[in-house]
Amino acid sequence: MSYRHLRSLLSAANGRLAPKRKGFLSFGGGGGGCRGEKKSSGGVINSLPSHVLMGMAIAGVGDAAAQAGETEGNLDLFDAKRFMGFLAFGALIKGGCQHFVYGRIIPQIGPKYGQFLADQLGWSVLGYYPLYYVVAGWVQHGRDAADSVRLYVREAPQVLPVYYGFWAPVQLVNFFLVPVVWRTTTGMATS
């Protein structure tokens, strides 16, 4: 399958899957507010409120499943503070911030390879991970932002190679094959 054929299939799927009407979650007429999208592309699925809810759900379900495995299903050992940290991070960063980063800011950079590099060397390293440490540190441990960022700087040499091993290939596909309007949703679904 050629790149051009795959790209046309994704574009056709985008047109068929996108809601064609305005929804109460759309914030602006059926588009998701993403640069370069048509008015009917994305609709409710790619709106800010739906991204916030999706981010919260994905982060919450992921943490609940991880804790169930770690505690062998013993609900007495469930860490509610940790769970709340993941819910907050999912709502604020995975859903909220990334709605604007992937839908409005990064698409203005120009060619797709520039957008990919801006994501991998800019947003991910200087935005996403530090914000994760700040939100999780505050909710789980009452840590202030400066201490959380210092912890991130100390742990980055161990965390980032693992990050790049998984996310660089995923984001190559996301930036080169997925339409802008679906990037945030695709990234959240992958996580």
C-alpha atoms as a PDB file:
ATOM      1  CA  MET A   1       0.000   0.000   0.000  1.00  0.00           C
ATOM      2  CA  SER A   2       1.497   3.330  -1.008  1.00  0.00           C
ATOM      3  CA  TYR A   3       1.625   6.426   1.153  1.00  0.00           C
ATOM      4  CA  ARG A   4      -0.752   8.232  -1.232  1.00  0.00           C
ATOM      5  CA  HIS A   5      -3.284   5.356  -1.086  1.00  0.00           C
ATOM      6  CA  LEU A   6      -3.150   5.211   2.735  1.00  0.00           C
ATOM      7  CA  ARG A   7      -3.539   8.982   2.945  1.00  0.00           C
ATOM      8  CA  SER A   8      -6.634   8.899   0.682  1.00  0.00           C
ATOM      9  CA  LEU A   9      -8.153   6.106   2.803  1.00  0.00           C
ATOM     10  CA  LEU A  10      -7.620   8.140   5.988  1.00  0.00           C
ATOM     11  CA  SER A  11      -9.126  11.232   4.378  1.00  0.00           C
ATOM     12  CA  ALA A  12     -12.148   9.241   3.211  1.00  0.00           C
ATOM     13  CA  ALA A  13     -12.568   7.720   6.689  1.00  0.00           C
ATOM     14  CA  ASN A  14     -12.346  11.191   8.220  1.00  0.00           C
ATOM     15  CA  GLY A  15     -15.184  12.384   5.971  1.00  0.00           C
ATOM     16  CA  ARG A  16     -17.389   9.372   6.767  1.00  0.00           C
ATOM     17  CA  LEU A  17     -16.762   9.272  10.522  1.00  0.00           C
ATOM     18  CA  ALA A  18     -17.058  12.974  11.271  1.00  0.00           C
ATOM     19  CA  PRO A  19     -20.429  14.161  12.546  1.00  0.00           C
ATOM     20  CA  LYS A  20     -22.128  16.477  10.036  1.00  0.00           C
ATOM     21  CA  ARG A  21     -24.163  18.519  12.498  1.00  0.00           C
ATOM     22  CA  LYS A  22     -23.468  20.934  15.312  1.00  0.00           C
ATOM     23  CA  GLY A  23     -23.436  19.460  18.781  1.00  0.00           C
ATOM     24  CA  PHE A  24     -23.691  20.977  22.218  1.00  0.00           C
ATOM     25  CA  LEU A  25     -20.024  20.178  22.810  1.00  0.00           C
ATOM     26  CA  SER A  26     -18.682  21.620  19.576  1.00  0.00           C
ATOM     27  CA  PHE A  27     -17.815  25.182  20.737  1.00  0.00           C
ATOM     28  CA  GLY A  28     -17.996  26.794  17.390  1.00  0.00           C
ATOM     29  CA  GLY A  29     -20.097  25.230  14.745  1.00  0.00           C
ATOM     30  CA  GLY A  30     -19.210  21.596  14.302  1.00  0.00           C
ATOM     31  CA  GLY A  31     -15.457  21.924  13.736  1.00  0.00           C
ATOM     32  CA  GLY A  32     -13.050  21.077  16.524  1.00  0.00           C
ATOM     33  CA  GLY A  33     -11.320  24.415  16.321  1.00  0.00           C
ATOM     34  CA  CYS A  34      -8.367  22.781  14.617  1.00  0.00           C
ATOM     35  CA  ARG A  35      -6.418  24.694  11.976  1.00  0.00           C
ATOM     36  CA  GLY A  36      -7.003  23.554   8.435  1.00  0.00           C
ATOM     37  CA  GLU A  37     -10.193  21.615   9.082  1.00  0.00           C
ATOM     38  CA  LYS A  38     -13.447  21.979   7.238  1.00  0.00           C
ATOM     39  CA  LYS A  39     -16.493  23.060   9.222  1.00  0.00           C
ATOM     40  CA  SER A  40     -17.909  19.529   9.297  1.00  0.00           C
ATOM     41  CA  SER A  41     -14.647  17.694  10.100  1.00  0.00           C
ATOM     42  CA  GLY A  42     -14.347  16.327  13.575  1.00  0.00           C
ATOM     43  CA  GLY A  43     -17.442  17.889  15.091  1.00  0.00           C
ATOM     44  CA  VAL A  44     -18.279  16.885  18.627  1.00  0.00           C
ATOM     45  CA  ILE A  45     -15.583  14.199  18.724  1.00  0.00           C
ATOM     46  CA  ASN A  46     -12.809  16.761  18.299  1.00  0.00           C
ATOM     47  CA  SER A  47     -14.171  19.589  20.463  1.00  0.00           C
ATOM     48  CA  LEU A  48     -12.374  20.907  23.526  1.00  0.00           C
ATOM     49  CA  PRO A  49     -14.893  19.465  26.035  1.00  0.00           C
ATOM     50  CA  SER A  50     -14.792  16.032  24.414  1.00  0.00           C
ATOM     51  CA  HIS A  51     -10.973  16.070  24.390  1.00  0.00           C
ATOM     52  CA  VAL A  52     -10.987  16.987  28.095  1.00  0.00           C
ATOM     53  CA  LEU A  53     -13.423  14.158  28.871  1.00  0.00           C
ATOM     54  CA  MET A  54     -11.516  11.663  26.696  1.00  0.00           C
ATOM     55  CA  GLY A  55      -8.218  12.618  28.311  1.00  0.00           C
ATOM     56  CA  MET A  56      -9.702  12.223  31.766  1.00  0.00           C
ATOM     57  CA  ALA A  57     -11.313   8.880  30.920  1.00  0.00           C
ATOM     58  CA  ILE A  58      -8.184   7.438  29.302  1.00  0.00           C
ATOM     59  CA  ALA A  59      -5.908   8.534  32.136  1.00  0.00           C
ATOM     60  CA  GLY A  60      -8.367   7.394  34.819  1.00  0.00           C
ATOM     61  CA  VAL A  61      -9.106   4.002  33.303  1.00  0.00           C
ATOM     62  CA  GLY A  62      -5.403   3.450  32.625  1.00  0.00           C
ATOM     63  CA  ASP A  63      -4.447   4.200  36.214  1.00  0.00           C
ATOM     64  CA  ALA A  64      -7.311   2.151  37.663  1.00  0.00           C
ATOM     65  CA  ALA A  65      -6.254  -0.839  35.538  1.00  0.00           C
ATOM     66  CA  ALA A  66      -2.608  -0.396  36.526  1.00  0.00           C
ATOM     67  CA  GLN A  67      -3.506  -0.174  40.210  1.00  0.00           C
ATOM     68  CA  ALA A  68      -5.744  -3.246  39.957  1.00  0.00           C
ATOM     69  CA  GLY A  69      -2.797  -5.175  38.552  1.00  0.00           C
ATOM     70  CA  GLU A  70      -0.331  -3.800  41.099  1.00  0.00           C
ATOM     71  CA  THR A  71      -2.588  -4.581  44.068  1.00  0.00           C
ATOM     72  CA  GLU A  72      -3.955  -7.849  42.645  1.00  0.00           C
ATOM     73  CA  GLY A  73      -7.468  -6.382  42.798  1.00  0.00           C
ATOM     74  CA  ASN A  74      -7.375  -5.443  46.488  1.00  0.00           C
ATOM     75  CA  LEU A  75      -9.502  -2.277  46.626  1.00  0.00           C
ATOM     76  CA  ASP A  76      -8.219  -1.441  50.121  1.00  0.00           C
ATOM     77  CA  LEU A  77      -4.855  -0.646  48.516  1.00  0.00           C
ATOM     78  CA  PHE A  78      -6.334   1.619  45.809  1.00  0.00           C
ATOM     79  CA  ASP A  79      -4.473   4.962  45.851  1.00  0.00           C
ATOM     80  CA  ALA A  80      -7.174   7.601  45.376  1.00  0.00           C
ATOM     81  CA  LYS A  81      -4.655  10.476  45.373  1.00  0.00           C
ATOM     82  CA  ARG A  82      -2.722   8.858  42.542  1.00  0.00           C
ATOM     83  CA  PHE A  83      -5.981   8.251  40.660  1.00  0.00           C
ATOM     84  CA  MET A  84      -7.002  11.911  41.107  1.00  0.00           C
ATOM     85  CA  GLY A  85      -3.589  12.968  39.821  1.00  0.00           C
ATOM     86  CA  PHE A  86      -4.121  10.988  36.646  1.00  0.00           C
ATOM     87  CA  LEU A  87      -7.670  12.359  36.225  1.00  0.00           C
ATOM     88  CA  ALA A  88      -6.401  15.925  36.614  1.00  0.00           C
ATOM     89  CA  PHE A  89      -3.524  15.324  34.215  1.00  0.00           C
ATOM     90  CA  GLY A  90      -5.838  13.681  31.683  1.00  0.00           C
ATOM     91  CA  ALA A  91      -8.311  16.578  31.781  1.00  0.00           C
ATOM     92  CA  LEU A  92      -5.844  19.462  31.859  1.00  0.00           C
ATOM     93  CA  ILE A  93      -2.924  18.225  29.768  1.00  0.00           C
ATOM     94  CA  LYS A  94      -3.920  15.195  27.654  1.00  0.00           C
ATOM     95  CA  GLY A  95      -7.245  16.726  26.712  1.00  0.00           C
ATOM     96  CA  GLY A  96      -7.099  20.477  27.272  1.00  0.00           C
ATOM     97  CA  CYS A  97      -3.556  21.514  26.394  1.00  0.00           C
ATOM     98  CA  GLN A  98      -3.111  18.993  23.609  1.00  0.00           C
ATOM     99  CA  HIS A  99      -6.361  20.140  21.973  1.00  0.00           C
ATOM    100  CA  PHE A 100      -4.642  23.466  21.314  1.00  0.00           C
ATOM    101  CA  VAL A 101      -1.086  22.187  20.847  1.00  0.00           C
ATOM    102  CA  TYR A 102      -1.972  19.595  18.179  1.00  0.00           C
ATOM    103  CA  GLY A 103      -5.003  21.369  16.742  1.00  0.00           C
ATOM    104  CA  ARG A 104      -3.863  24.982  16.547  1.00  0.00           C
ATOM    105  CA  ILE A 105      -0.255  25.665  17.517  1.00  0.00           C
ATOM    106  CA  ILE A 106       1.871  22.926  15.937  1.00  0.00           C
ATOM    107  CA  PRO A 107       0.006  22.956  12.572  1.00  0.00           C
ATOM    108  CA  GLN A 108       1.164  26.567  12.071  1.00  0.00           C
ATOM    109  CA  ILE A 109       4.824  25.511  12.021  1.00  0.00           C
ATOM    110  CA  GLY A 110       4.848  24.560   8.367  1.00  0.00           C
ATOM    111  CA  PRO A 111       6.036  21.291   6.855  1.00  0.00           C
ATOM    112  CA  LYS A 112       5.103  18.064   8.604  1.00  0.00           C
ATOM    113  CA  TYR A 113       8.684  17.191   9.532  1.00  0.00           C
ATOM    114  CA  GLY A 114       8.921  20.568  11.294  1.00  0.00           C
ATOM    115  CA  GLN A 115       5.708  19.843  13.167  1.00  0.00           C
ATOM    116  CA  PHE A 116       7.031  16.412  14.155  1.00  0.00           C
ATOM    117  CA  LEU A 117      10.305  17.914  15.436  1.00  0.00           C
ATOM    118  CA  ALA A 118       8.437  20.680  17.291  1.00  0.00           C
ATOM    119  CA  ASP A 119       6.397  17.986  19.032  1.00  0.00           C
ATOM    120  CA  GLN A 120       9.281  15.640  19.850  1.00  0.00           C
ATOM    121  CA  LEU A 121      11.910  18.229  20.814  1.00  0.00           C
ATOM    122  CA  GLY A 122       9.655  21.036  22.034  1.00  0.00           C
ATOM    123  CA  TRP A 123       6.204  20.227  23.376  1.00  0.00           C
ATOM    124  CA  SER A 124       6.968  16.741  24.687  1.00  0.00           C
ATOM    125  CA  VAL A 125      10.228  17.581  26.452  1.00  0.00           C
ATOM    126  CA  LEU A 126       9.512  21.160  27.544  1.00  0.00           C
ATOM    127  CA  GLY A 127       5.720  21.038  27.978  1.00  0.00           C
ATOM    128  CA  TYR A 128       4.044  17.659  28.343  1.00  0.00           C
ATOM    129  CA  TYR A 129       6.457  15.913  30.687  1.00  0.00           C
ATOM    130  CA  PRO A 130       7.169  18.886  32.978  1.00  0.00           C
ATOM    131  CA  LEU A 131       3.417  19.520  33.246  1.00  0.00           C
ATOM    132  CA  TYR A 132       2.822  15.856  34.043  1.00  0.00           C
ATOM    133  CA  TYR A 133       5.366  16.056  36.865  1.00  0.00           C
ATOM    134  CA  VAL A 134       3.812  19.292  38.189  1.00  0.00           C
ATOM    135  CA  VAL A 135       0.206  18.028  38.178  1.00  0.00           C
ATOM    136  CA  ALA A 136       1.032  14.550  39.522  1.00  0.00           C
ATOM    137  CA  GLY A 137       3.440  15.938  42.131  1.00  0.00           C
ATOM    138  CA  TRP A 138       0.914  18.464  43.386  1.00  0.00           C
ATOM    139  CA  VAL A 139      -2.072  16.090  43.524  1.00  0.00           C
ATOM    140  CA  GLN A 140      -0.238  13.010  44.806  1.00  0.00           C
ATOM    141  CA  HIS A 141       2.428  14.475  47.073  1.00  0.00           C
ATOM    142  CA  GLY A 142       1.560  18.143  47.658  1.00  0.00           C
ATOM    143  CA  ARG A 143       4.832  19.029  45.932  1.00  0.00           C
ATOM    144  CA  ASP A 144       5.230  22.554  44.552  1.00  0.00           C
ATOM    145  CA  ALA A 145       5.878  23.175  40.857  1.00  0.00           C
ATOM    146  CA  ALA A 146       9.577  24.050  41.243  1.00  0.00           C
ATOM    147  CA  ASP A 147      10.331  20.802  43.102  1.00  0.00           C
ATOM    148  CA  SER A 148       8.387  18.814  40.508  1.00  0.00           C
ATOM    149  CA  VAL A 149      10.328  20.374  37.636  1.00  0.00           C
ATOM    150  CA  ARG A 150      13.633  19.676  39.425  1.00  0.00           C
ATOM    151  CA  LEU A 151      12.549  16.033  39.801  1.00  0.00           C
ATOM    152  CA  TYR A 152      11.729  15.899  36.084  1.00  0.00           C
ATOM    153  CA  VAL A 153      15.158  17.301  35.180  1.00  0.00           C
ATOM    154  CA  ARG A 154      16.808  14.622  37.364  1.00  0.00           C
ATOM    155  CA  GLU A 155      14.717  11.783  35.900  1.00  0.00           C
ATOM    156  CA  ALA A 156      14.646  12.951  32.251  1.00  0.00           C
ATOM    157  CA  PRO A 157      17.757  10.968  31.221  1.00  0.00           C
ATOM    158  CA  GLN A 158      15.956   7.742  32.200  1.00  0.00           C
ATOM    159  CA  VAL A 159      12.419   8.739  31.111  1.00  0.00           C
ATOM    160  CA  LEU A 160      13.026  10.299  27.691  1.00  0.00           C
ATOM    161  CA  PRO A 161      14.719   7.336  25.941  1.00  0.00           C
ATOM    162  CA  VAL A 162      11.701   5.187  26.828  1.00  0.00           C
ATOM    163  CA  TYR A 163       9.399   7.968  25.639  1.00  0.00           C
ATOM    164  CA  TYR A 164      11.174   8.297  22.293  1.00  0.00           C
ATOM    165  CA  GLY A 165      11.274   4.530  21.790  1.00  0.00           C
ATOM    166  CA  PHE A 166       7.478   4.397  21.797  1.00  0.00           C
ATOM    167  CA  TRP A 167       6.213   7.851  20.832  1.00  0.00           C
ATOM    168  CA  ALA A 168       8.585   8.828  18.014  1.00  0.00           C
ATOM    169  CA  PRO A 169       7.219   6.115  15.670  1.00  0.00           C
ATOM    170  CA  VAL A 170       3.632   6.797  16.783  1.00  0.00           C
ATOM    171  CA  GLN A 171       3.993  10.519  16.169  1.00  0.00           C
ATOM    172  CA  LEU A 172       5.624   9.946  12.772  1.00  0.00           C
ATOM    173  CA  VAL A 173       2.413   8.214  11.733  1.00  0.00           C
ATOM    174  CA  ASN A 174       0.289  10.846  13.482  1.00  0.00           C
ATOM    175  CA  PHE A 175       1.993  13.799  11.773  1.00  0.00           C
ATOM    176  CA  PHE A 176       2.498  12.325   8.323  1.00  0.00           C
ATOM    177  CA  LEU A 177      -0.693  10.292   7.817  1.00  0.00           C
ATOM    178  CA  VAL A 178      -3.402  11.524  10.187  1.00  0.00           C
ATOM    179  CA  PRO A 179      -5.367  14.699   9.328  1.00  0.00           C
ATOM    180  CA  VAL A 180      -4.757  17.609  11.738  1.00  0.00           C
ATOM    181  CA  VAL A 181      -8.299  17.453  13.101  1.00  0.00           C
ATOM    182  CA  TRP A 182      -7.728  13.888  14.370  1.00  0.00           C
ATOM    183  CA  ARG A 183      -4.216  14.249  15.850  1.00  0.00           C
ATOM    184  CA  THR A 184      -5.237  14.870  19.458  1.00  0.00           C
ATOM    185  CA  THR A 185      -7.775  12.043  19.433  1.00  0.00           C
ATOM    186  CA  THR A 186      -5.329   9.662  17.752  1.00  0.00           C
ATOM    187  CA  GLY A 187      -2.609  10.490  20.284  1.00  0.00           C
ATOM    188  CA  MET A 188      -4.965   9.954  23.204  1.00  0.00           C
ATOM    189  CA  ALA A 189      -6.269   6.689  21.770  1.00  0.00           C
ATOM    190  CA  THR A 190      -2.706   5.434  21.372  1.00  0.00           C
ATOM    191  CA  SER A 191      -1.841   6.208  24.966  1.00  0.00           C
END
